[in-house]
Amino acid sequence: MGDLVIGARSGGPEPEGAGGRGVRSVEADPSTERAMADPAARQGGPAGGAGDPGDSPTGPVDGSGRSGTVDGDDADEASRPPKQRSFWKELPILIGIALILALVIKTFFVQAFSIPSGSMENTLQVGDRVLVDKLTPWFGAEPERGEVVVFQDPGGWLNDEPAQRSDNGFVRGIQDVFSFIGLMPSSNEKDLIKRVIAVGGDTVECEGDGPVKVNGIALDEPYIYPGNTPCGEKPFGPVKVPEGRIWVMGDHRGNSLDSRYHQDQPGGGTVPVENVVGRAFVVAWPIGDWATLPVPDTFDQKGLSASGPLAPPLAGAAAAVPAVWLLRRRR
């Protein structure tokens, strides 16, 4: 038998030398010929646009038959940053946020007050704006000796002083709005500002030309208005300050209707702690009067506190309790 030839019978003559033993010929497929003729096919791409859509150089084709590439206009739109909102549209939002923050700050943190009289000269001048700390009282802090505090009228202190109001209705409306949110001092509230001289449990007095004494300790008061005496024209005491109340005096002793002048009223001239709005800590306006309001060194004297003499025994007792307990355990 002759050699077996595997493949299609083309009917044509075999190439020279193809008739050798063991050679197998393959009939050329027309599609294969077209593929070999197409350069794109030889590079692995589809011939004549046919083939896998995923291999298309222009990207996948969506269901609409469009190429997945982004044309020029779409690319420009995609690269553009988002359009910003107009300033005039954002302005009411910014104003609203600012007003809310101002109201929160005024209610819980800091409030501005105007000085209406000369009772605190020369520490504070008429027309000065002070900032008052309203935060610490929320945490239970009480006024301390030497602090300058703003407090509400405990009753009868400002009966003869009318509220400072503008005659212009428009101006009054603006003032009311701004004072409500804390951007301006209020003209309706009857608040006073004085210096705390004594607190609950203290005994305070001033005889003749002074000095003022707290629990028997004389105060050196450099903040008093020049030419004034510590007692002014109203010597007093000794006065025992009830718990939960404070004794206050103006730095201008000759021009201050303070605790000395209200001893015939309930509380004996003292002010309830709950009436204290907060401590004034800085003069904020005008700029030329800017200053902090620290506690003077005279209030740091040893023995000034009414509980000072009791402090060492109490401290000794507190230390003795654990010592006795340890000794009993060792026995």
Protein backbone atom coordinates (compact mmCIF):
# COMPACT_ATOMS: atom_id res chain seq x y z
CA MET A 1 0.00 0.00 0.00
CA GLY A 2 1.09 3.47 -0.64
CA ASP A 3 1.69 6.13 2.05
CA LEU A 4 -1.43 7.54 3.74
CA VAL A 5 -1.94 11.25 3.16
CA ILE A 6 -3.93 13.04 5.78
CA GLY A 7 -5.82 16.16 4.73
CA ALA A 8 -8.24 17.39 2.15
CA ARG A 9 -7.98 16.28 -1.42
CA SER A 10 -7.28 19.41 -3.36
CA GLY A 11 -7.00 17.59 -6.62
CA GLY A 12 -3.88 19.53 -7.45
CA PRO A 13 -0.44 18.15 -7.76
CA GLU A 14 1.60 17.82 -4.72
CA PRO A 15 4.60 20.09 -4.36
CA GLU A 16 7.92 18.81 -5.27
CA GLY A 17 9.41 16.76 -2.54
CA ALA A 18 6.08 16.52 -0.74
CA GLY A 19 5.61 12.95 -1.65
CA GLY A 20 8.23 11.78 0.73
CA ARG A 21 7.34 9.37 3.47
CA GLY A 22 5.75 10.79 6.58
CA VAL A 23 4.88 14.22 5.19
CA ARG A 24 1.32 15.39 5.88
CA SER A 25 -0.21 18.22 3.86
CA VAL A 26 -2.93 20.54 5.13
CA GLU A 27 -5.46 22.16 2.87
CA ALA A 28 -5.45 25.97 3.17
CA ASP A 29 -8.62 27.39 4.78
CA PRO A 30 -9.97 30.51 2.99
CA SER A 31 -10.58 32.30 6.29
CA THR A 32 -7.05 31.57 7.34
CA GLU A 33 -5.73 33.04 4.14
CA ARG A 34 -7.74 36.24 4.68
CA ALA A 35 -6.48 36.47 8.23
CA MET A 36 -2.89 36.09 7.16
CA ALA A 37 -3.38 38.72 4.51
CA ASP A 38 -4.80 41.25 7.00
CA PRO A 39 -1.99 43.02 8.93
CA ALA A 40 -4.30 43.72 11.84
CA ALA A 41 -5.03 40.06 12.18
CA ARG A 42 -1.34 39.19 12.21
CA GLN A 43 -0.97 41.63 15.16
CA GLY A 44 -3.68 39.93 17.09
CA GLY A 45 -6.47 42.42 16.24
CA PRO A 46 -9.74 41.75 14.46
CA ALA A 47 -9.85 41.70 10.69
CA GLY A 48 -12.10 44.18 9.01
CA GLY A 49 -13.62 45.35 12.37
CA ALA A 50 -14.57 41.82 13.42
CA GLY A 51 -13.37 40.18 16.56
CA ASP A 52 -13.68 40.60 20.29
CA PRO A 53 -15.12 43.99 21.22
CA GLY A 54 -12.90 44.03 24.27
CA ASP A 55 -9.85 44.03 21.98
CA SER A 56 -10.99 47.02 19.98
CA PRO A 57 -8.44 49.83 20.08
CA THR A 58 -11.31 52.26 20.51
CA GLY A 59 -12.65 50.53 23.58
CA PRO A 60 -15.76 48.48 24.19
CA VAL A 61 -18.92 49.15 22.28
CA ASP A 62 -22.07 49.85 24.29
CA GLY A 63 -25.51 48.68 23.44
CA SER A 64 -26.20 51.68 21.25
CA GLY A 65 -23.33 50.75 19.01
CA ARG A 66 -21.28 53.80 20.04
CA SER A 67 -17.67 53.44 20.97
CA GLY A 68 -16.87 53.71 24.71
CA THR A 69 -14.37 56.48 24.12
CA VAL A 70 -15.21 60.04 25.30
CA ASP A 71 -15.41 62.63 22.56
CA GLY A 72 -13.91 66.13 22.90
CA ASP A 73 -17.00 67.90 24.31
CA ASP A 74 -17.67 65.20 26.89
CA ALA A 75 -14.00 65.23 27.96
CA ASP A 76 -14.14 69.00 28.46
CA GLU A 77 -17.27 68.72 30.58
CA ALA A 78 -15.77 65.94 32.68
CA SER A 79 -12.58 67.89 33.30
CA ARG A 80 -14.36 71.09 34.34
CA PRO A 81 -14.59 71.71 38.14
CA PRO A 82 -18.10 71.78 39.64
CA LYS A 83 -19.74 75.16 39.33
CA GLN A 84 -19.52 77.13 42.59
CA ARG A 85 -22.54 78.69 44.23
CA SER A 86 -22.92 82.43 43.84
CA PHE A 87 -21.52 84.57 46.67
CA TRP A 88 -24.87 86.34 47.04
CA LYS A 89 -26.61 83.00 47.50
CA GLU A 90 -24.12 81.94 50.17
CA LEU A 91 -24.17 85.28 52.02
CA PRO A 92 -27.50 84.71 53.86
CA ILE A 93 -26.27 81.28 54.97
CA LEU A 94 -23.03 82.74 56.31
CA ILE A 95 -24.90 85.50 58.12
CA GLY A 96 -27.28 82.99 59.67
CA ILE A 97 -24.43 80.78 60.91
CA ALA A 98 -22.61 83.82 62.32
CA LEU A 99 -25.72 84.98 64.20
CA ILE A 100 -26.32 81.54 65.67
CA LEU A 101 -22.70 81.26 66.82
CA ALA A 102 -22.83 84.77 68.31
CA LEU A 103 -26.01 83.91 70.23
CA VAL A 104 -24.48 80.69 71.58
CA ILE A 105 -21.28 82.50 72.61
CA LYS A 106 -23.26 85.27 74.32
CA THR A 107 -25.48 82.80 76.17
CA PHE A 108 -22.83 80.40 77.42
CA PHE A 109 -19.34 81.85 77.01
CA VAL A 110 -18.61 85.58 76.70
CA GLN A 111 -20.74 88.73 76.67
CA ALA A 112 -19.87 92.39 76.16
CA PHE A 113 -20.98 95.04 78.65
CA SER A 114 -20.71 98.82 78.54
CA ILE A 115 -19.55 100.89 81.50
CA PRO A 116 -22.27 103.52 82.12
CA SER A 117 -20.79 105.44 85.06
CA GLY A 118 -17.55 106.38 86.77
CA SER A 119 -17.97 104.11 89.81
CA MET A 120 -15.02 101.92 88.74
CA GLU A 121 -12.60 104.67 87.72
CA ASN A 122 -9.73 104.62 87.05
CA THR A 123 -9.81 100.87 86.44
CA LEU A 124 -12.70 101.31 84.00
CA GLN A 125 -13.69 104.46 82.16
CA VAL A 126 -17.17 105.55 81.11
CA GLY A 127 -17.95 104.01 77.72
CA ASP A 128 -15.45 101.16 78.01
CA ARG A 129 -16.60 97.75 76.73
CA VAL A 130 -15.59 94.81 78.86
CA LEU A 131 -15.83 91.12 78.08
CA VAL A 132 -17.39 88.99 80.78
CA ASP A 133 -16.66 85.30 81.29
CA LYS A 134 -20.01 83.50 81.60
CA LEU A 135 -18.63 79.97 81.22
CA THR A 136 -17.04 79.27 84.60
CA PRO A 137 -20.24 79.90 86.63
CA TRP A 138 -21.85 77.07 84.65
CA PHE A 139 -19.31 74.71 86.25
CA GLY A 140 -20.09 75.91 89.77
CA ALA A 141 -17.31 78.51 90.09
CA GLU A 142 -18.21 81.33 92.48
CA PRO A 143 -16.87 84.89 92.61
CA GLU A 144 -13.58 85.37 94.46
CA ARG A 145 -12.16 88.34 96.33
CA GLY A 146 -10.62 90.95 94.07
CA GLU A 147 -12.51 89.98 90.92
CA VAL A 148 -14.43 92.59 88.93
CA VAL A 149 -17.89 91.13 88.36
CA VAL A 150 -21.08 92.06 86.54
CA PHE A 151 -24.26 91.28 88.46
CA GLN A 152 -27.96 91.92 88.15
CA ASP A 153 -29.59 94.46 90.42
CA PRO A 154 -30.49 92.56 93.63
CA GLY A 155 -33.32 95.05 94.14
CA GLY A 156 -33.38 98.77 94.76
CA TRP A 157 -29.86 99.57 93.61
CA LEU A 158 -30.86 101.13 90.28
CA ASN A 159 -34.41 102.29 90.92
CA ASP A 160 -33.56 105.91 90.15
CA GLU A 161 -31.43 105.22 87.07
CA PRO A 162 -33.40 104.93 83.81
CA ALA A 163 -32.25 102.55 81.11
CA GLN A 164 -30.09 104.16 78.46
CA ARG A 165 -32.23 104.14 75.30
CA SER A 166 -31.90 106.02 72.05
CA ASP A 167 -34.68 108.42 71.01
CA ASN A 168 -34.50 107.03 67.46
CA GLY A 169 -36.81 104.04 67.00
CA PHE A 170 -34.70 102.51 64.22
CA VAL A 171 -31.55 102.80 66.32
CA ARG A 172 -33.35 101.21 69.28
CA GLY A 173 -34.41 98.30 67.07
CA ILE A 174 -30.86 97.72 65.84
CA GLN A 175 -29.54 97.95 69.39
CA ASP A 176 -32.11 95.44 70.64
CA VAL A 177 -31.22 92.93 67.91
CA PHE A 178 -27.48 93.24 68.38
CA SER A 179 -27.70 93.18 72.17
CA PHE A 180 -29.85 90.03 71.95
CA ILE A 181 -27.12 88.17 70.10
CA GLY A 182 -24.36 89.71 72.23
CA LEU A 183 -22.72 91.98 69.66
CA MET A 184 -23.70 95.09 71.63
CA PRO A 185 -24.24 95.74 75.34
CA SER A 186 -27.87 95.69 76.39
CA SER A 187 -29.56 98.96 77.30
CA ASN A 188 -32.55 97.27 78.94
CA GLU A 189 -30.89 95.02 81.50
CA LYS A 190 -30.07 96.72 84.78
CA ASP A 191 -26.62 95.29 85.42
CA LEU A 192 -23.91 96.67 87.66
CA ILE A 193 -20.17 96.18 87.77
CA LYS A 194 -18.13 96.30 90.99
CA ARG A 195 -15.15 94.64 92.66
CA VAL A 196 -15.67 91.74 95.05
CA ILE A 197 -14.18 92.66 98.45
CA ALA A 198 -15.50 89.83 100.62
CA VAL A 199 -17.31 86.52 100.08
CA GLY A 200 -19.62 84.35 102.15
CA GLY A 201 -18.29 83.76 105.68
CA ASP A 202 -15.98 86.79 105.63
CA THR A 203 -16.14 89.73 108.03
CA VAL A 204 -15.51 93.06 106.35
CA GLU A 205 -15.16 96.54 107.87
CA CYS A 206 -13.75 100.00 107.28
CA GLU A 207 -13.36 102.61 110.02
CA GLY A 208 -12.49 106.29 109.61
CA ASP A 209 -10.15 106.70 106.69
CA GLY A 210 -9.53 102.97 106.42
CA PRO A 211 -8.02 100.69 105.41
CA VAL A 212 -10.68 98.15 104.48
CA LYS A 213 -10.17 94.98 106.51
CA VAL A 214 -11.29 91.46 105.60
CA ASN A 215 -11.17 88.97 108.47
CA GLY A 216 -8.90 91.42 110.31
CA ILE A 217 -6.39 91.68 107.42
CA ALA A 218 -5.85 95.20 106.04
CA LEU A 219 -6.09 95.54 102.26
CA ASP A 220 -3.56 97.54 100.28
CA GLU A 221 -5.72 98.86 97.42
CA PRO A 222 -3.66 100.58 94.72
CA TYR A 223 -6.63 100.48 92.33
CA ILE A 224 -8.63 103.05 94.36
CA TYR A 225 -9.32 106.31 92.53
CA PRO A 226 -6.62 108.89 93.29
CA GLY A 227 -7.63 111.15 96.15
CA ASN A 228 -10.22 108.74 97.57
CA THR A 229 -9.96 107.10 100.98
CA PRO A 230 -10.66 103.34 101.27
CA CYS A 231 -13.90 104.01 103.19
CA GLY A 232 -14.92 106.97 101.08
CA GLU A 233 -17.60 108.96 102.91
CA LYS A 234 -19.27 105.83 104.24
CA PRO A 235 -17.38 103.90 106.95
CA PHE A 236 -19.06 100.59 107.78
CA GLY A 237 -18.93 97.36 109.70
CA PRO A 238 -17.94 95.02 110.87
CA VAL A 239 -20.33 93.12 108.57
CA LYS A 240 -20.57 89.33 108.46
CA VAL A 241 -21.21 88.30 104.86
CA PRO A 242 -23.82 85.51 104.67
CA GLU A 243 -22.99 82.31 102.79
CA GLY A 244 -23.91 82.45 99.12
CA ARG A 245 -23.51 86.25 98.97
CA ILE A 246 -20.73 88.76 98.25
CA TRP A 247 -19.76 92.28 99.41
CA VAL A 248 -18.90 94.58 96.52
CA MET A 249 -17.38 98.08 96.26
CA GLY A 250 -16.48 100.39 93.39
CA ASP A 251 -12.88 101.48 92.87
CA HIS A 252 -14.04 105.12 92.83
CA ARG A 253 -15.09 105.06 96.48
CA GLY A 254 -16.36 108.64 96.39
CA ASN A 255 -18.67 107.94 93.39
CA SER A 256 -20.00 104.41 93.91
CA LEU A 257 -23.35 103.45 95.43
CA ASP A 258 -22.17 99.96 96.35
CA SER A 259 -22.75 97.59 99.28
CA ARG A 260 -22.01 100.37 101.78
CA TYR A 261 -25.14 102.29 100.75
CA HIS A 262 -27.62 99.39 100.78
CA GLN A 263 -27.17 97.94 104.24
CA ASP A 264 -30.77 98.82 105.10
CA GLN A 265 -32.08 96.49 102.37
CA PRO A 266 -32.57 92.70 102.48
CA GLY A 267 -29.16 91.03 102.57
CA GLY A 268 -27.56 93.98 104.39
CA GLY A 269 -25.96 95.34 101.23
CA THR A 270 -24.65 91.99 100.02
CA VAL A 271 -25.39 90.52 96.58
CA PRO A 272 -26.62 86.94 95.98
CA VAL A 273 -24.09 84.81 94.10
CA GLU A 274 -26.83 83.69 91.69
CA ASN A 275 -27.18 87.31 90.54
CA VAL A 276 -23.60 87.34 89.26
CA VAL A 277 -23.51 87.20 85.46
CA GLY A 278 -19.77 86.60 85.27
CA ARG A 279 -16.31 87.98 85.77
CA ALA A 280 -15.02 90.87 83.63
CA PHE A 281 -11.58 89.78 82.43
CA VAL A 282 -10.58 92.27 79.74
CA VAL A 283 -11.31 95.79 78.50
CA ALA A 284 -11.91 95.18 74.80
CA TRP A 285 -12.91 98.63 73.55
CA PRO A 286 -11.75 101.26 72.80
CA ILE A 287 -8.43 99.92 71.67
CA GLY A 288 -6.57 102.64 73.55
CA ASP A 289 -8.03 101.42 76.85
CA TRP A 290 -7.33 97.73 76.21
CA ALA A 291 -6.23 96.00 79.41
CA THR A 292 -6.71 92.80 81.37
CA LEU A 293 -8.45 92.78 84.75
CA PRO A 294 -6.43 90.47 87.02
CA VAL A 295 -6.98 89.93 90.74
CA PRO A 296 -4.71 92.32 92.69
CA ASP A 297 -1.95 90.79 94.81
CA THR A 298 -3.44 92.21 98.01
CA PHE A 299 -6.08 89.46 97.92
CA ASP A 300 -3.36 86.78 97.98
CA GLN A 301 -2.32 87.61 101.54
CA LYS A 302 -2.00 84.73 103.96
CA GLY A 303 -4.78 84.49 106.51
CA LEU A 304 -7.20 86.54 104.39
CA SER A 305 -9.56 83.61 103.98
CA ALA A 306 -12.08 83.20 106.78
CA SER A 307 -11.27 79.49 106.80
CA GLY A 308 -7.51 80.11 106.98
CA PRO A 309 -7.04 79.41 110.74
CA LEU A 310 -8.99 76.18 110.40
CA ALA A 311 -7.07 74.92 107.42
CA PRO A 312 -4.03 73.43 109.25
CA PRO A 313 -6.14 71.49 111.80
CA LEU A 314 -8.40 70.18 109.06
CA ALA A 315 -5.42 69.16 106.95
CA GLY A 316 -3.85 67.42 109.95
CA ALA A 317 -7.07 65.57 110.68
CA ALA A 318 -7.38 64.48 107.06
CA ALA A 319 -3.83 63.11 107.10
CA ALA A 320 -4.32 61.43 110.49
CA VAL A 321 -7.29 59.31 109.38
CA PRO A 322 -5.38 57.06 106.93
CA ALA A 323 -2.38 56.92 109.30
CA VAL A 324 -4.53 55.61 112.16
CA TRP A 325 -6.18 53.12 109.82
CA LEU A 326 -2.78 51.72 108.73
CA LEU A 327 -1.59 51.41 112.33
CA ARG A 328 -4.71 49.50 113.32
CA ARG A 329 -4.23 47.06 110.46
CA ARG A 330 -0.65 46.29 111.46
CA ARG A 331 -1.68 45.33 115.01
